[in-house]
PDB file of N, CA and C in Angstrom:
ATOM      1  N   UNK A   1      75.257  92.289 161.130  1.00  0.00           N
ATOM      2  CA  UNK A   1      75.131  92.721 162.434  1.00  0.00           C
ATOM      3  C   UNK A   1      76.513  93.384 162.495  1.00  0.00           C
ATOM      4  N   UNK A   2      77.087  94.793 163.390  1.00  0.00           N
ATOM      5  CA  UNK A   2      78.019  95.269 163.780  1.00  0.00           C
ATOM      6  C   UNK A   2      78.015  94.830 165.357  1.00  0.00           C
ATOM      7  N   UNK A   3      79.286  93.945 165.648  1.00  0.00           N
ATOM      8  CA  UNK A   3      79.684  93.577 166.806  1.00  0.00           C
ATOM      9  C   UNK A   3      79.919  94.869 167.552  1.00  0.00           C
ATOM     10  N   UNK A   4      79.360  94.755 169.232  1.00  0.00           N
ATOM     11  CA  UNK A   4      79.851  95.824 169.932  1.00  0.00           C
ATOM     12  C   UNK A   4      80.339  95.038 171.260  1.00  0.00           C
ATOM     13  N   UNK A   5      81.625  95.395 171.208  1.00  0.00           N
ATOM     14  CA  UNK A   5      82.644  94.940 172.418  1.00  0.00           C
ATOM     15  C   UNK A   5      82.429  95.664 173.671  1.00  0.00           C
ATOM     16  N   UNK A   6      81.932  94.905 174.668  1.00  0.00           N
ATOM     17  CA  UNK A   6      81.658  95.522 175.974  1.00  0.00           C
ATOM     18  C   UNK A   6      82.498  94.987 177.136  1.00  0.00           C
ATOM     19  N   UNK A   7      83.434  94.458 176.666  1.00  0.00           N
ATOM     20  CA  UNK A   7      84.687  93.914 177.930  1.00  0.00           C
ATOM     21  C   UNK A   7      85.645  94.617 178.250  1.00  0.00           C
ATOM     22  N   UNK A   8      85.697  96.078 177.795  1.00  0.00           N
ATOM     23  CA  UNK A   8      87.049  96.884 177.698  1.00  0.00           C
ATOM     24  C   UNK A   8      87.425  96.853 179.305  1.00  0.00           C
ATOM     25  N   UNK A   9      86.828  96.119 180.337  1.00  0.00           N
ATOM     26  CA  UNK A   9      87.805  96.448 181.602  1.00  0.00           C
ATOM     27  C   UNK A   9      88.553  95.294 181.514  1.00  0.00           C
ATOM     28  N   UNK A  10      88.460  94.200 180.789  1.00  0.00           N
ATOM     29  CA  UNK A  10      89.358  92.922 180.679  1.00  0.00           C
ATOM     30  C   UNK A  10      90.419  93.360 179.861  1.00  0.00           C
ATOM     31  N   UNK A  11      90.180  93.798 178.869  1.00  0.00           N
ATOM     32  CA  UNK A  11      91.234  94.091 177.770  1.00  0.00           C
ATOM     33  C   UNK A  11      90.598  95.220 176.578  1.00  0.00           C
ATOM     34  N   UNK A  12      91.382  95.827 176.037  1.00  0.00           N
ATOM     35  CA  UNK A  12      90.934  96.642 175.104  1.00  0.00           C
ATOM     36  C   UNK A  12      91.684  96.502 173.810  1.00  0.00           C
ATOM     37  N   UNK A  13      91.068  96.609 172.711  1.00  0.00           N
ATOM     38  CA  UNK A  13      91.867  96.748 171.361  1.00  0.00           C
ATOM     39  C   UNK A  13      92.709  97.836 171.147  1.00  0.00           C
ATOM     40  N   UNK A  14      94.079  97.477 170.829  1.00  0.00           N
ATOM     41  CA  UNK A  14      95.001  98.185 170.860  1.00  0.00           C
ATOM     42  C   UNK A  14      95.133  99.153 169.378  1.00  0.00           C
ATOM     43  N   UNK A  15      95.161 100.355 169.652  1.00  0.00           N
ATOM     44  CA  UNK A  15      95.296 101.271 168.427  1.00  0.00           C
ATOM     45  C   UNK A  15      96.695 100.570 167.402  1.00  0.00           C
ATOM     46  N   UNK A  16      96.163 100.791 166.129  1.00  0.00           N
ATOM     47  CA  UNK A  16      97.078 100.203 165.217  1.00  0.00           C
ATOM     48  C   UNK A  16      98.482 101.025 165.398  1.00  0.00           C
ATOM     49  N   UNK A  17      98.629 102.392 165.672  1.00  0.00           N
ATOM     50  CA  UNK A  17      99.732 102.992 165.546  1.00  0.00           C
ATOM     51  C   UNK A  17     100.735 102.288 166.946  1.00  0.00           C
ATOM     52  N   UNK A  18      99.993 102.067 167.866  1.00  0.00           N
ATOM     53  CA  UNK A  18     100.554 101.341 169.134  1.00  0.00           C
ATOM     54  C   UNK A  18     101.259  99.925 168.745  1.00  0.00           C
ATOM     55  N   UNK A  19     100.355  98.924 168.129  1.00  0.00           N
ATOM     56  CA  UNK A  19     100.717  97.827 167.750  1.00  0.00           C
ATOM     57  C   UNK A  19     101.903  97.774 167.034  1.00  0.00           C
ATOM     58  N   UNK A  20     101.942  98.731 165.698  1.00  0.00           N
ATOM     59  CA  UNK A  20     103.130  98.919 164.971  1.00  0.00           C
ATOM     60  C   UNK A  20     104.238  99.122 165.976  1.00  0.00           C
ATOM     61  N   UNK A  21     104.382 100.062 166.311  1.00  0.00           N
ATOM     62  CA  UNK A  21     105.382 100.623 167.362  1.00  0.00           C
ATOM     63  C   UNK A  21     106.058  99.390 168.256  1.00  0.00           C
ATOM     64  N   UNK A  22     105.049  98.762 168.810  1.00  0.00           N
ATOM     65  CA  UNK A  22     105.304  97.719 170.072  1.00  0.00           C
ATOM     66  C   UNK A  22     105.872  96.534 168.986  1.00  0.00           C
ATOM     67  N   UNK A  23     105.247  96.146 168.066  1.00  0.00           N
ATOM     68  CA  UNK A  23     105.990  95.021 167.121  1.00  0.00           C
ATOM     69  C   UNK A  23     107.262  95.278 166.616  1.00  0.00           C
ATOM     70  N   UNK A  24     107.537  96.699 166.093  1.00  0.00           N
ATOM     71  CA  UNK A  24     108.917  96.759 165.919  1.00  0.00           C
ATOM     72  C   UNK A  24     109.951  96.780 167.045  1.00  0.00           C
ATOM     73  N   UNK A  25     109.528  97.142 168.157  1.00  0.00           N
ATOM     74  CA  UNK A  25     110.465  96.869 169.297  1.00  0.00           C
ATOM     75  C   UNK A  25     110.349  95.457 169.871  1.00  0.00           C
ATOM     76  N   UNK A  26     109.414  94.532 169.481  1.00  0.00           N
ATOM     77  CA  UNK A  26     109.209  93.032 169.723  1.00  0.00           C
ATOM     78  C   UNK A  26     110.299  92.561 168.805  1.00  0.00           C
ATOM     79  N   UNK A  27     110.379  92.968 167.592  1.00  0.00           N
ATOM     80  CA  UNK A  27     111.307  92.112 166.408  1.00  0.00           C
ATOM     81  C   UNK A  27     112.832  92.745 166.832  1.00  0.00           C
ATOM     82  N   UNK A  28     112.927  93.880 167.015  1.00  0.00           N
ATOM     83  CA  UNK A  28     114.388  94.621 166.912  1.00  0.00           C
ATOM     84  C   UNK A  28     115.008  94.496 168.659  1.00  0.00           C
ATOM     85  N   UNK A  29     114.283  95.010 169.348  1.00  0.00           N
ATOM     86  CA  UNK A  29     114.981  95.236 170.497  1.00  0.00           C
ATOM     87  C   UNK A  29     114.306  94.102 171.438  1.00  0.00           C
ATOM     88  N   UNK A  30     114.230  93.054 171.326  1.00  0.00           N
ATOM     89  CA  UNK A  30     113.702  91.773 172.084  1.00  0.00           C
ATOM     90  C   UNK A  30     114.457  91.132 173.393  1.00  0.00           C
ATOM     91  N   UNK A  31     115.596  92.042 173.461  1.00  0.00           N
ATOM     92  CA  UNK A  31     116.759  91.548 174.594  1.00  0.00           C
ATOM     93  C   UNK A  31     115.886  91.643 176.117  1.00  0.00           C
ATOM     94  N   UNK A  32     116.564  91.182 177.160  1.00  0.00           N
ATOM     95  CA  UNK A  32     116.315  91.473 178.648  1.00  0.00           C
ATOM     96  C   UNK A  32     116.816  92.708 178.933  1.00  0.00           C
ATOM     97  N   UNK A  33     116.266  93.781 179.405  1.00  0.00           N
ATOM     98  CA  UNK A  33     116.661  94.916 179.610  1.00  0.00           C
ATOM     99  C   UNK A  33     117.538  94.891 180.863  1.00  0.00           C
ATOM    100  N   UNK A  34     117.857  93.788 181.661  1.00  0.00           N
ATOM    101  CA  UNK A  34     118.797  93.807 182.695  1.00  0.00           C
ATOM    102  C   UNK A  34     119.865  93.230 182.071  1.00  0.00           C
ATOM    103  N   UNK A  35     119.999  92.792 181.036  1.00  0.00           N
ATOM    104  CA  UNK A  35     121.337  92.211 180.499  1.00  0.00           C
ATOM    105  C   UNK A  35     122.288  93.125 179.965  1.00  0.00           C
ATOM    106  N   UNK A  36     123.878  92.913 180.135  1.00  0.00           N
ATOM    107  CA  UNK A  36     124.662  93.906 179.623  1.00  0.00           C
ATOM    108  C   UNK A  36     125.114  93.613 178.186  1.00  0.00           C
ATOM    109  N   UNK A  37     124.421  92.573 177.355  1.00  0.00           N
ATOM    110  CA  UNK A  37     125.117  92.740 175.919  1.00  0.00           C
ATOM    111  C   UNK A  37     124.313  93.523 175.397  1.00  0.00           C
ATOM    112  N   UNK A  38     124.784  93.848 174.280  1.00  0.00           N
ATOM    113  CA  UNK A  38     123.884  94.904 173.227  1.00  0.00           C
ATOM    114  C   UNK A  38     122.346  94.704 172.917  1.00  0.00           C
ATOM    115  N   UNK A  39     121.793  93.683 172.826  1.00  0.00           N
ATOM    116  CA  UNK A  39     120.492  93.555 172.398  1.00  0.00           C
ATOM    117  C   UNK A  39     119.811  93.731 173.649  1.00  0.00           C
ATOM    118  N   UNK A  40     120.268  93.234 174.970  1.00  0.00           N
ATOM    119  CA  UNK A  40     119.798  93.814 176.197  1.00  0.00           C
ATOM    120  C   UNK A  40     119.732  95.373 176.573  1.00  0.00           C
ATOM    121  N   UNK A  41     120.885  95.841 176.052  1.00  0.00           N
ATOM    122  CA  UNK A  41     121.094  97.436 176.560  1.00  0.00           C
ATOM    123  C   UNK A  41     120.176  98.201 175.722  1.00  0.00           C
ATOM    124  N   UNK A  42     119.969  97.922 174.419  1.00  0.00           N
ATOM    125  CA  UNK A  42     118.995  98.211 173.386  1.00  0.00           C
ATOM    126  C   UNK A  42     117.649  98.339 173.983  1.00  0.00           C
ATOM    127  N   UNK A  43     117.416  97.121 174.637  1.00  0.00           N
ATOM    128  CA  UNK A  43     115.878  96.850 175.290  1.00  0.00           C
ATOM    129  C   UNK A  43     116.009  98.135 176.451  1.00  0.00           C
ATOM    130  N   UNK A  44     117.040  98.052 177.183  1.00  0.00           N
ATOM    131  CA  UNK A  44     116.950  98.724 178.470  1.00  0.00           C
ATOM    132  C   UNK A  44     116.794 100.445 177.823  1.00  0.00           C
ATOM    133  N   UNK A  45     117.317 100.716 176.493  1.00  0.00           N
ATOM    134  CA  UNK A  45     117.313 102.102 176.168  1.00  0.00           C
ATOM    135  C   UNK A  45     115.539 102.508 175.873  1.00  0.00           C
ATOM    136  N   UNK A  46     114.991 101.539 175.338  1.00  0.00           N
ATOM    137  CA  UNK A  46     113.667 101.495 174.940  1.00  0.00           C
ATOM    138  C   UNK A  46     112.854 101.637 176.334  1.00  0.00           C
ATOM    139  N   UNK A  47     112.954 100.443 177.256  1.00  0.00           N
ATOM    140  CA  UNK A  47     112.341 100.875 178.618  1.00  0.00           C
ATOM    141  C   UNK A  47     112.383 102.323 179.095  1.00  0.00           C
ATOM    142  N   UNK A  48     113.719 102.688 179.422  1.00  0.00           N
ATOM    143  CA  UNK A  48     114.007 103.788 179.948  1.00  0.00           C
ATOM    144  C   UNK A  48     113.193 105.164 179.105  1.00  0.00           C
ATOM    145  N   UNK A  49     113.406 105.082 177.919  1.00  0.00           N
ATOM    146  CA  UNK A  49     112.798 106.168 177.175  1.00  0.00           C
ATOM    147  C   UNK A  49     111.329 105.891 177.438  1.00  0.00           C
ATOM    148  N   UNK A  50     110.692 105.041 177.481  1.00  0.00           N
ATOM    149  CA  UNK A  50     109.186 104.917 177.761  1.00  0.00           C
ATOM    150  C   UNK A  50     109.163 105.581 179.126  1.00  0.00           C
ATOM    151  N   UNK A  51     109.850 105.084 180.123  1.00  0.00           N
ATOM    152  CA  UNK A  51     109.610 105.451 181.664  1.00  0.00           C
ATOM    153  C   UNK A  51     109.713 107.214 181.610  1.00  0.00           C
ATOM    154  N   UNK A  52     110.705 107.663 180.816  1.00  0.00           N
ATOM    155  CA  UNK A  52     110.849 109.215 180.635  1.00  0.00           C
ATOM    156  C   UNK A  52     109.302 109.820 179.906  1.00  0.00           C
ATOM    157  N   UNK A  53     109.181 109.335 179.030  1.00  0.00           N
ATOM    158  CA  UNK A  53     107.960 109.723 178.148  1.00  0.00           C
ATOM    159  C   UNK A  53     106.798 109.878 179.359  1.00  0.00           C
ATOM    160  N   UNK A  54     106.469 108.604 179.773  1.00  0.00           N
ATOM    161  CA  UNK A  54     105.332 108.513 180.701  1.00  0.00           C
ATOM    162  C   UNK A  54     105.476 109.544 182.177  1.00  0.00           C
ATOM    163  N   UNK A  55     106.598 109.681 182.507  1.00  0.00           N
ATOM    164  CA  UNK A  55     107.173 110.639 183.732  1.00  0.00           C
ATOM    165  C   UNK A  55     106.633 111.993 182.873  1.00  0.00           C
ATOM    166  N   UNK A  56     107.100 112.394 182.055  1.00  0.00           N
ATOM    167  CA  UNK A  56     106.830 113.743 181.382  1.00  0.00           C
ATOM    168  C   UNK A  56     105.469 114.132 181.175  1.00  0.00           C
ATOM    169  N   UNK A  57     104.712 112.973 180.712  1.00  0.00           N
ATOM    170  CA  UNK A  57     103.179 113.153 180.367  1.00  0.00           C
ATOM    171  C   UNK A  57     102.449 113.377 181.948  1.00  0.00           C
ATOM    172  N   UNK A  58     102.905 112.591 182.891  1.00  0.00           N
ATOM    173  CA  UNK A  58     102.343 113.083 184.377  1.00  0.00           C
ATOM    174  C   UNK A  58     102.852 113.831 184.992  1.00  0.00           C
ATOM    175  N   UNK A  59     103.891 114.799 184.499  1.00  0.00           N
ATOM    176  CA  UNK A  59     104.796 115.293 185.458  1.00  0.00           C
ATOM    177  C   UNK A  59     105.385 115.236 186.747  1.00  0.00           C
ATOM    178  N   UNK A  60     106.119 114.059 186.422  1.00  0.00           N
ATOM    179  CA  UNK A  60     106.547 113.477 187.775  1.00  0.00           C
ATOM    180  C   UNK A  60     108.096 113.000 187.194  1.00  0.00           C
ATOM    181  N   UNK A  61     108.820 112.626 188.142  1.00  0.00           N
ATOM    182  CA  UNK A  61     110.355 112.075 187.593  1.00  0.00           C
ATOM    183  C   UNK A  61     110.385 110.486 187.279  1.00  0.00           C
ATOM    184  N   UNK A  62     111.241 110.458 186.181  1.00  0.00           N
ATOM    185  CA  UNK A  62     111.211 108.840 185.705  1.00  0.00           C
ATOM    186  C   UNK A  62     111.244 107.720 186.857  1.00  0.00           C
ATOM    187  N   UNK A  63     111.975 108.307 188.149  1.00  0.00           N
ATOM    188  CA  UNK A  63     111.794 107.267 189.085  1.00  0.00           C
ATOM    189  C   UNK A  63     110.858 106.813 189.777  1.00  0.00           C
ATOM    190  N   UNK A  64     109.903 107.586 189.468  1.00  0.00           N
ATOM    191  CA  UNK A  64     108.667 107.688 190.390  1.00  0.00           C
ATOM    192  C   UNK A  64     107.548 106.557 189.445  1.00  0.00           C
ATOM    193  N   UNK A  65     108.269 106.014 188.186  1.00  0.00           N
ATOM    194  CA  UNK A  65     107.207 105.273 187.534  1.00  0.00           C
ATOM    195  C   UNK A  65     107.912 103.919 187.486  1.00  0.00           C
ATOM    196  N   UNK A  66     106.773 103.065 187.836  1.00  0.00           N
ATOM    197  CA  UNK A  66     107.270 101.581 188.086  1.00  0.00           C
ATOM    198  C   UNK A  66     106.381 100.774 187.390  1.00  0.00           C
ATOM    199  N   UNK A  67     107.374 100.054 186.731  1.00  0.00           N
ATOM    200  CA  UNK A  67     106.462  98.968 185.546  1.00  0.00           C
ATOM    201  C   UNK A  67     106.564  97.452 186.504  1.00  0.00           C
ATOM    202  N   UNK A  68     105.288  97.086 186.124  1.00  0.00           N
ATOM    203  CA  UNK A  68     104.704  95.612 186.779  1.00  0.00           C
ATOM    204  C   UNK A  68     104.592  94.585 185.413  1.00  0.00           C
ATOM    205  N   UNK A  69     104.357  93.711 185.940  1.00  0.00           N
ATOM    206  CA  UNK A  69     104.021  92.395 185.179  1.00  0.00           C
ATOM    207  C   UNK A  69     102.512  92.433 184.810  1.00  0.00           C
ATOM    208  N   UNK A  70     101.872  93.160 185.611  1.00  0.00           N
ATOM    209  CA  UNK A  70     100.121  93.354 185.284  1.00  0.00           C
ATOM    210  C   UNK A  70      99.399  93.465 186.570  1.00  0.00           C
ATOM    211  N   UNK A  71      97.840  93.629 186.533  1.00  0.00           N
ATOM    212  CA  UNK A  71      97.199  94.053 187.374  1.00  0.00           C
ATOM    213  C   UNK A  71      97.478  93.484 188.921  1.00  0.00           C
ATOM    214  N   UNK A  72      97.564  92.007 188.853  1.00  0.00           N
ATOM    215  CA  UNK A  72      97.848  91.581 190.494  1.00  0.00           C
ATOM    216  C   UNK A  72      99.029  92.059 191.029  1.00  0.00           C
ATOM    217  N   UNK A  73     100.247  92.098 190.342  1.00  0.00           N
ATOM    218  CA  UNK A  73     101.303  92.327 191.019  1.00  0.00           C
ATOM    219  C   UNK A  73     101.031  93.773 191.139  1.00  0.00           C
ATOM    220  N   UNK A  74     100.561  94.663 190.521  1.00  0.00           N
ATOM    221  CA  UNK A  74     100.308  96.358 190.840  1.00  0.00           C
ATOM    222  C   UNK A  74      99.334  96.567 191.722  1.00  0.00           C
ATOM    223  N   UNK A  75      98.054  95.825 192.162  1.00  0.00           N
ATOM    224  CA  UNK A  75      97.458  95.697 193.254  1.00  0.00           C
ATOM    225  C   UNK A  75      98.264  95.430 194.369  1.00  0.00           C
ATOM    226  N   UNK A  76      99.220  94.390 194.606  1.00  0.00           N
ATOM    227  CA  UNK A  76      99.909  93.966 195.514  1.00  0.00           C
ATOM    228  C   UNK A  76     100.673  95.207 195.996  1.00  0.00           C
ATOM    229  N   UNK A  77     101.233  95.518 195.196  1.00  0.00           N
ATOM    230  CA  UNK A  77     102.113  96.741 195.186  1.00  0.00           C
ATOM    231  C   UNK A  77     101.709  97.698 195.986  1.00  0.00           C
ATOM    232  N   UNK A  78     100.735  98.384 195.337  1.00  0.00           N
ATOM    233  CA  UNK A  78      99.848  99.507 196.027  1.00  0.00           C
ATOM    234  C   UNK A  78      99.291  99.027 197.259  1.00  0.00           C
ATOM    235  N   UNK A  79      98.701  97.951 197.836  1.00  0.00           N
ATOM    236  CA  UNK A  79      98.157  97.570 198.931  1.00  0.00           C
ATOM    237  C   UNK A  79      99.182  97.658 199.680  1.00  0.00           C
ATOM    238  N   UNK A  80     100.306  96.908 199.559  1.00  0.00           N
ATOM    239  CA  UNK A  80     101.755  96.926 200.624  1.00  0.00           C
ATOM    240  C   UNK A  80     102.144  98.002 200.746  1.00  0.00           C
ATOM    241  N   UNK A  81     102.194  98.909 199.735  1.00  0.00           N
ATOM    242  CA  UNK A  81     102.948 100.516 200.001  1.00  0.00           C
ATOM    243  C   UNK A  81     101.707 101.123 201.035  1.00  0.00           C
ATOM    244  N   UNK A  82     100.534 101.124 200.608  1.00  0.00           N
ATOM    245  CA  UNK A  82      99.738 101.796 201.414  1.00  0.00           C
ATOM    246  C   UNK A  82      99.795 101.143 203.321  1.00  0.00           C
ATOM    247  N   UNK A  83     100.069  99.992 203.183  1.00  0.00           N
ATOM    248  CA  UNK A  83      99.949  99.468 204.486  1.00  0.00           C
ATOM    249  C   UNK A  83     101.441  99.824 205.049  1.00  0.00           C
ATOM    250  N   UNK A  84     102.255  99.801 204.348  1.00  0.00           N
ATOM    251  CA  UNK A  84     103.697 100.128 205.015  1.00  0.00           C
ATOM    252  C   UNK A  84     103.748 101.729 205.402  1.00  0.00           C
ATOM    253  N   UNK A  85     103.047 102.555 204.559  1.00  0.00           N
ATOM    254  CA  UNK A  85     102.789 104.087 204.731  1.00  0.00           C
ATOM    255  C   UNK A  85     102.012 104.304 205.957  1.00  0.00           C
ATOM    256  N   UNK A  86     101.193 103.610 206.394  1.00  0.00           N
ATOM    257  CA  UNK A  86     100.164 103.614 207.443  1.00  0.00           C
ATOM    258  C   UNK A  86     100.149 102.503 208.464  1.00  0.00           C
ATOM    259  N   UNK A  87     101.442 102.503 209.211  1.00  0.00           N
ATOM    260  CA  UNK A  87     101.706 101.012 210.164  1.00  0.00           C
ATOM    261  C   UNK A  87     100.735 101.216 211.306  1.00  0.00           C
ATOM    262  N   UNK A  88      99.800 102.381 211.898  1.00  0.00           N
ATOM    263  CA  UNK A  88      98.975 102.530 212.908  1.00  0.00           C
ATOM    264  C   UNK A  88      98.057 101.591 212.330  1.00  0.00           C
ATOM    265  N   UNK A  89      97.416 101.781 211.206  1.00  0.00           N
ATOM    266  CA  UNK A  89      96.296 100.950 210.475  1.00  0.00           C
ATOM    267  C   UNK A  89      96.434  99.627 210.827  1.00  0.00           C
ATOM    268  N   UNK A  90      95.579  98.719 211.210  1.00  0.00           N
ATOM    269  CA  UNK A  90      96.127  97.369 211.284  1.00  0.00           C
ATOM    270  C   UNK A  90      95.368  96.222 210.538  1.00  0.00           C
ATOM    271  N   UNK A  91      94.332  96.878 209.786  1.00  0.00           N
ATOM    272  CA  UNK A  91      93.652  96.000 208.740  1.00  0.00           C
ATOM    273  C   UNK A  91      93.550  96.407 207.446  1.00  0.00           C
ATOM    274  N   UNK A  92      93.560  95.524 206.418  1.00  0.00           N
ATOM    275  CA  UNK A  92      93.418  95.810 205.169  1.00  0.00           C
ATOM    276  C   UNK A  92      92.201  95.005 204.614  1.00  0.00           C
ATOM    277  N   UNK A  93      91.304  95.611 204.295  1.00  0.00           N
ATOM    278  CA  UNK A  93      89.747  95.217 203.725  1.00  0.00           C
ATOM    279  C   UNK A  93      89.880  94.992 202.357  1.00  0.00           C
ATOM    280  N   UNK A  94      89.843  94.014 201.559  1.00  0.00           N
ATOM    281  CA  UNK A  94      89.802  93.548 200.118  1.00  0.00           C
ATOM    282  C   UNK A  94      88.626  92.417 199.737  1.00  0.00           C
ATOM    283  N   UNK A  95      88.730  92.293 198.600  1.00  0.00           N
ATOM    284  CA  UNK A  95      87.571  91.558 198.129  1.00  0.00           C
ATOM    285  C   UNK A  95      87.979  90.589 196.811  1.00  0.00           C
ATOM    286  N   UNK A  96      87.597  89.387 196.268  1.00  0.00           N
ATOM    287  CA  UNK A  96      87.875  88.749 195.067  1.00  0.00           C
ATOM    288  C   UNK A  96      87.863  89.764 194.275  1.00  0.00           C
ATOM    289  N   UNK A  97      86.991  90.618 193.887  1.00  0.00           N
ATOM    290  CA  UNK A  97      86.756  91.438 192.890  1.00  0.00           C
ATOM    291  C   UNK A  97      87.948  92.458 192.551  1.00  0.00           C
ATOM    292  N   UNK A  98      89.068  92.677 193.386  1.00  0.00           N
ATOM    293  CA  UNK A  98      89.857  93.570 193.551  1.00  0.00           C
ATOM    294  C   UNK A  98      91.146  93.259 192.495  1.00  0.00           C
ATOM    295  N   UNK A  99      91.016  91.833 192.156  1.00  0.00           N
ATOM    296  CA  UNK A  99      91.790  91.432 190.912  1.00  0.00           C
ATOM    297  C   UNK A  99      91.937  89.610 191.096  1.00  0.00           C
TER     298      UNK A  99
END
């Protein structure tokens, strides 16, 4: 019987081409993109190249693209940004299902 995966809200199988590209970067450009040494600068070039491609896809500036560590940090950033942009609004309503 063929398995049907229905938990795509949690995670999704990575496309083979994406997995190969990411694996190449993991093996060759594994440095800290904030470091000044060559391996770090190579990682930074990959990171900034990705930022530029994503910005071009969405029709925005690269400086408008923010990378986070995951869903929780992303949600926190979005909620805090909305709260800061609307200081007259005194309440934020959320629930445990938000992440």
